[in-house]
Structure formats: structure tokens, C-alpha cells
Amino acid sequence: MAPKITDFVEDAGAPGIIAGIGAVLLAPVLLPVVTGIGKPIAKSLIKGGIVAFEKSRGAFAELGETWEDIIAEARAELAESKETSAFEAAGTPGETTAE
């Protein structure tokens, strides 16, 4: 069964009805004030988000470059160790017996 307006009025009582009427009457006055305060706050939050995004983008780019440098250094060290061990293996004489 659908609720009726009379049920709502009976449940809300006099204080609820007075509060509802007050809200309807004050809404045209309060909404512009709230909007006037809310818009600058929203703009400042958006600006802060943009600044944070720009800084984080730069930090991530720097992190990526550092990571690539580390990988390049590790590969160079691996290549160097392979060359050194191949050189040592070729340069060391086998066991020779002295007669």
C-alpha cells in the first residue's frame, strides 16, 4: 500500500512540519550563500589536485629515468662479467706437467 501524505504529517508532528516550512522559505536565501561559498572551495580543491598531478607526473618521469639507468648499469655489469670470465678461461693454461 502506498504511503499517504496524511501518514507523513502525522508521523512528523508539528516540529517536523515547522522545520519543513522553514526550509522551503529559507532555501531561496541560503542556496546562493552556500553556492557562493562552495564554488571557491571547489575551485581551490580542483587547483590543488591539478598541482599535485603535475608534480607527481614529474616525479614518476624521474623515477622512470632512474629505473632505466639502473637497468642499463646492471646489463653493463653482466656483460663485463661475461667478458672477464671468457678472457680468464681462455688465458689460463691447462695443467702442464714439468718433465
C-alpha atoms as a PDB file:
ATOM      1  CA  MET A   1       0.000   0.000   0.000  1.00  0.00           C
ATOM      2  CA  ALA A   2       1.409   3.404  -0.984  1.00  0.00           C
ATOM      3  CA  PRO A   3       2.117   5.883   1.812  1.00  0.00           C
ATOM      4  CA  LYS A   4      -0.266   8.805   2.081  1.00  0.00           C
ATOM      5  CA  ILE A   5       0.642  12.398   2.830  1.00  0.00           C
ATOM      6  CA  THR A   6      -1.531  12.291   5.934  1.00  0.00           C
ATOM      7  CA  ASP A   7       0.610   9.445   7.317  1.00  0.00           C
ATOM      8  CA  PHE A   8       3.729  11.549   6.829  1.00  0.00           C
ATOM      9  CA  VAL A   9       2.174  14.590   8.521  1.00  0.00           C
ATOM     10  CA  GLU A  10       1.026  12.506  11.472  1.00  0.00           C
ATOM     11  CA  ASP A  11       4.468  10.898  11.841  1.00  0.00           C
ATOM     12  CA  ALA A  12       6.398  14.178  11.515  1.00  0.00           C
ATOM     13  CA  GLY A  13       4.317  16.059  14.035  1.00  0.00           C
ATOM     14  CA  ALA A  14       4.274  19.825  14.498  1.00  0.00           C
ATOM     15  CA  PRO A  15       8.066  20.300  14.822  1.00  0.00           C
ATOM     16  CA  GLY A  16       8.657  18.415  11.576  1.00  0.00           C
ATOM     17  CA  ILE A  17       6.068  20.443   9.711  1.00  0.00           C
ATOM     18  CA  ILE A  18       7.505  23.722  11.014  1.00  0.00           C
ATOM     19  CA  ALA A  19      11.037  22.661  10.041  1.00  0.00           C
ATOM     20  CA  GLY A  20       9.828  21.724   6.549  1.00  0.00           C
ATOM     21  CA  ILE A  21       8.076  25.054   6.041  1.00  0.00           C
ATOM     22  CA  GLY A  22      11.157  26.895   7.334  1.00  0.00           C
ATOM     23  CA  ALA A  23      13.403  25.010   4.918  1.00  0.00           C
ATOM     24  CA  VAL A  24      11.140  25.849   1.988  1.00  0.00           C
ATOM     25  CA  LEU A  25      11.058  29.535   2.944  1.00  0.00           C
ATOM     26  CA  LEU A  26      14.821  29.838   3.620  1.00  0.00           C
ATOM     27  CA  ALA A  27      16.011  27.839   0.599  1.00  0.00           C
ATOM     28  CA  PRO A  28      15.989  30.805  -1.829  1.00  0.00           C
ATOM     29  CA  VAL A  29      18.108  32.800   0.634  1.00  0.00           C
ATOM     30  CA  LEU A  30      20.513  30.052   1.740  1.00  0.00           C
ATOM     31  CA  LEU A  31      21.233  28.395  -1.621  1.00  0.00           C
ATOM     32  CA  PRO A  32      23.039  31.411  -3.155  1.00  0.00           C
ATOM     33  CA  VAL A  33      25.094  31.829   0.035  1.00  0.00           C
ATOM     34  CA  VAL A  34      26.067  28.162   0.078  1.00  0.00           C
ATOM     35  CA  THR A  35      26.813  28.263  -3.656  1.00  0.00           C
ATOM     36  CA  GLY A  36      28.909  31.410  -3.217  1.00  0.00           C
ATOM     37  CA  ILE A  37      30.992  29.737  -0.514  1.00  0.00           C
ATOM     38  CA  GLY A  38      31.089  26.306  -2.161  1.00  0.00           C
ATOM     39  CA  LYS A  39      32.305  27.425  -5.582  1.00  0.00           C
ATOM     40  CA  PRO A  40      35.616  28.948  -4.388  1.00  0.00           C
ATOM     41  CA  ILE A  41      36.231  25.923  -2.167  1.00  0.00           C
ATOM     42  CA  ALA A  42      35.588  23.572  -5.077  1.00  0.00           C
ATOM     43  CA  LYS A  43      37.884  25.604  -7.351  1.00  0.00           C
ATOM     44  CA  SER A  44      40.700  25.577  -4.806  1.00  0.00           C
ATOM     45  CA  LEU A  45      40.360  21.802  -4.381  1.00  0.00           C
ATOM     46  CA  ILE A  46      40.496  21.333  -8.148  1.00  0.00           C
ATOM     47  CA  LYS A  47      43.553  23.596  -8.442  1.00  0.00           C
ATOM     48  CA  GLY A  48      45.286  21.638  -5.677  1.00  0.00           C
ATOM     49  CA  GLY A  49      44.514  18.401  -7.488  1.00  0.00           C
ATOM     50  CA  ILE A  50      45.954  19.731 -10.734  1.00  0.00           C
ATOM     51  CA  VAL A  51      49.152  20.889  -8.995  1.00  0.00           C
ATOM     52  CA  ALA A  52      49.525  17.522  -7.238  1.00  0.00           C
ATOM     53  CA  PHE A  53      49.002  15.718 -10.551  1.00  0.00           C
ATOM     54  CA  GLU A  54      51.641  17.809 -12.318  1.00  0.00           C
ATOM     55  CA  LYS A  55      54.196  17.260  -9.535  1.00  0.00           C
ATOM     56  CA  SER A  56      53.525  13.533  -9.393  1.00  0.00           C
ATOM     57  CA  ARG A  57      53.820  13.254 -13.159  1.00  0.00           C
ATOM     58  CA  GLY A  58      57.283  14.845 -12.998  1.00  0.00           C
ATOM     59  CA  ALA A  59      58.297  12.606 -10.098  1.00  0.00           C
ATOM     60  CA  PHE A  60      57.170   9.485 -11.954  1.00  0.00           C
ATOM     61  CA  ALA A  61      59.084  10.551 -15.063  1.00  0.00           C
ATOM     62  CA  GLU A  62      62.229  11.000 -12.970  1.00  0.00           C
ATOM     63  CA  LEU A  63      61.635   7.641 -11.300  1.00  0.00           C
ATOM     64  CA  GLY A  64      61.324   6.009 -14.738  1.00  0.00           C
ATOM     65  CA  GLU A  65      64.613   7.537 -15.872  1.00  0.00           C
ATOM     66  CA  THR A  66      66.358   6.369 -12.699  1.00  0.00           C
ATOM     67  CA  TRP A  67      64.962   2.871 -13.177  1.00  0.00           C
ATOM     68  CA  GLU A  68      66.202   2.770 -16.788  1.00  0.00           C
ATOM     69  CA  ASP A  69      69.672   3.887 -15.634  1.00  0.00           C
ATOM     70  CA  ILE A  70      69.784   1.117 -13.024  1.00  0.00           C
ATOM     71  CA  ILE A  71      68.789  -1.480 -15.617  1.00  0.00           C
ATOM     72  CA  ALA A  72      71.439  -0.220 -18.057  1.00  0.00           C
ATOM     73  CA  GLU A  73      74.119  -0.368 -15.340  1.00  0.00           C
ATOM     74  CA  ALA A  74      73.094  -3.901 -14.374  1.00  0.00           C
ATOM     75  CA  ARG A  75      73.256  -5.048 -18.013  1.00  0.00           C
ATOM     76  CA  ALA A  76      76.668  -3.437 -18.437  1.00  0.00           C
ATOM     77  CA  GLU A  77      77.956  -5.213 -15.325  1.00  0.00           C
ATOM     78  CA  LEU A  78      76.600  -8.534 -16.601  1.00  0.00           C
ATOM     79  CA  ALA A  79      78.249  -8.037 -19.990  1.00  0.00           C
ATOM     80  CA  GLU A  80      81.521  -7.077 -18.293  1.00  0.00           C
ATOM     81  CA  SER A  81      81.476 -10.142 -16.065  1.00  0.00           C
ATOM     82  CA  LYS A  82      80.841 -12.402 -19.085  1.00  0.00           C
ATOM     83  CA  GLU A  83      83.765 -10.862 -20.977  1.00  0.00           C
ATOM     84  CA  THR A  84      86.056 -11.148 -17.951  1.00  0.00           C
ATOM     85  CA  SER A  85      85.228 -14.796 -17.303  1.00  0.00           C
ATOM     86  CA  ALA A  86      85.664 -15.670 -21.005  1.00  0.00           C
ATOM     87  CA  PHE A  87      89.042 -13.896 -21.028  1.00  0.00           C
ATOM     88  CA  GLU A  88      90.173 -15.696 -17.868  1.00  0.00           C
ATOM     89  CA  ALA A  89      89.060 -19.053 -19.226  1.00  0.00           C
ATOM     90  CA  ALA A  90      90.984 -18.536 -22.464  1.00  0.00           C
ATOM     91  CA  GLY A  91      94.045 -17.070 -20.782  1.00  0.00           C
ATOM     92  CA  THR A  92      94.608 -19.687 -18.069  1.00  0.00           C
ATOM     93  CA  PRO A  93      96.824 -22.537 -19.152  1.00  0.00           C
ATOM     94  CA  GLY A  94      95.727 -26.055 -18.544  1.00  0.00           C
ATOM     95  CA  GLU A  95      97.606 -28.300 -16.224  1.00  0.00           C
ATOM     96  CA  THR A  96     101.059 -28.890 -17.572  1.00  0.00           C
ATOM     97  CA  THR A  97     103.458 -31.455 -16.282  1.00  0.00           C
ATOM     98  CA  ALA A  98     107.057 -30.495 -15.933  1.00  0.00           C
ATOM     99  CA  GLU A  99     109.457 -33.126 -17.137  1.00  0.00           C
END
